[in-house]
Amino acid sequence: MSHTRSNVPHHPLVEEESSPFPGMSPVESPENGSPVRGMSPDRLLVNLDMESFTNPHDPALNLLEVPDTNWTRGSQGSRSSSLASSTCDMSANLYDTGGSNSASKGLNARLAFAISAAAFGSAFQHGFNLGVINAPLNIIRHWMNVTNNERSGEYFTETEQTMVISIMVSIYCVGGMIGGALTGFFAERFGRKGGLLLNNIFALVAAVLFGFSKMANSYEMLIIGRFVIGINNGLNAGLCPMYLSEIAPVNLRGAIGTAYQLVLTISILFSQIMGLDTILGTDDLWPILLALTGLPAIFQLAALPVCPESPKFLLITKDEPVTAQRALTWLRDTTNVQDEMGEMRNEAEASKLVPSVSLREILTNPTLRIPLVISMMMMIAQQLSGINAVIFFSTDIYKSAGLSSEAALNATIAMGTMNVLMTFASLVMVEKFGRKTLMLAGLSGMLVDVFLLFICLLLKDVVPWISYFSIFLVIFFVVMFATGPGSIPWFFVTELFAQNARPTASSIAVAINWTAAFLVGLGFLPLHELAGPYVFLIFVVLLIGFILFTWFKVPETKGRTIDEITAVFKQTAYGANSV
């Protein structure tokens, strides 16, 4: 059977002849997608000499390049055994007629380790510092008052004490806004992995400030520590989802992206448990409780260097295709990564048309502005959904139901446990039902819940039993939040943008998230004092707006490549619909 000649560059070792394998699918070139036809695998391998095989500058042999799968473990064995291993892998690839790298699409031990190293060292910091300050807050308030008396001979007035506590709590969000805004700089200058490792310096500095603040009788150290750890958490919220999204196979991108929120909820629960007055929430041990934030940093500094940098960053930003392929081979635990490398090369070629995306470009170019607006709205929806209001009212709801202080504390921990369980469930559901579906389901459930909770708070003095129903509504609200709005916005922004725009977009979206959190923390208490339970009506209106926006404007990204997603925005930008 005769075959048409391929347009592969001619090389003396690759001769055209009739294939002894009629009907066999050609192997796609990892460089340009051209099929390598002609010689049988046996004859092809026999004609390869060692000098040519290891020459990275030979364009014809680049088509046949197989990465060294032992790149993280150093050189092992002799040169001949390495060649034998490579030729076996090459032979397997030449016989692969399926065209899909099924082996590279699942979760393996190496990928799981990389996810754990990134998430537990980053998201754990974020969640822990969100929840850790609540339990010992009254103890810290008393310590600040005593410390000021020892310095000046006077206690704080109630106004002064409220101001100092407000500064300590809110400056954390200010640090988060700064860290979020720096995400793009860190991601491009140091890489995703490099940025995460460098960010641990902030965590270790904050841990030292927390741990020695009481010994030094300095509440200023505590405030500075909250600011520094805020910068750390803001950077983590941008860098970690970006790294997770870029190392994930397309079919697991949503599930792996949800891992950030899962670890975040676990760490909130951990901080609540460790803050109990029977563990570390005491007069003497609260500095140790706050200083525990250094442990995830130490873990990440030990574990993450074993893992590779993001393959997309290496290929598209650094233009290091060999290193990128080796990184991808390590993450997939297989040499069968040609299809995925081809997709990344396509993205790299597309990004060369617009080498870098400035802040002005992302705000003025409609193909970039549309996904930016969507990303920002997802972040705003997360913070303005009413989750902070429900958690704030939960203590009053528990007390109105007749629960003792200990029972109310147990109910709070149970609520945190439910948050963890439902976030874990969303990790599975996000790839089955899609991002948009879960976001709509979560927001719709929260809308119904928050309206019923408003009714219950109005009637709690008239109908005593309704307080017990309120407890169910609080827990159900957390379940709905964890289903979609809690986890999806963190990684959704990384799915909407190509490599050249992703760092800038992530910086803006994460900064918006922290700004919204800061405004909620600043404005909720005055609104609560002014409106009481009617403050929930504000969230009813906001949730209706978020549902409508998600329904009409947010695309489904499940199972789509970056090229397919950006094509949707190009069509929208130059079509009838625009944001």
Foldseek 3Di string as FASTA:
>chain_A
DDDDDWPQPDDPLQDADDEPDPPAAFQAFLPPGTGRDHYDLVSSLVSDDPVVCPDCPDVRNSSQHFAQLCVLVDDDDDPVVSSVVSSVQSNVSRRDRPPDPVLLADADPLLVLLLCLLQLLALLLQLQLVAQCPLLVVLVLVLLQVLVCVVPVHGDDPVRSVVLSLLLVLLLLVLLLQLLLCQLVLCQVLNLLRSLLVLLVLLQQLLVLLLCCSVVSHCVSSSVSSSSSSSSNNNSLLSSLLQQQLLHRQLQNLLSLLSNLLSSLVSSLVSLVCCDPVHQVDNPRSSVSSSCSSVSSVSSNVRNVSADTRLLCCCQNVVNNSSSLNNSCNNSVGSPCSVVSSLSVVLSVVCVVVVAADPVNLCPPQLNVQLLVVLQLLLLCLLLLCLVVLVVCQLVLCVLLVDDPVRSSVLVSVLSVLLSVLSNVLSVVCSVPFQLVLVLQLLVQSLVLLVVLLVLVVCCVPDVVSSVVNSVSSSSNSSSCSSHSSRCSSNVLSLQDRPNCSSSSSSVNSSSNSVSNSCCSVPVVVVCVVPPSCVSVVSSVVSVVSSVCSVPRPDTRRSHHNVVNSVVSVCQSPDDHGD
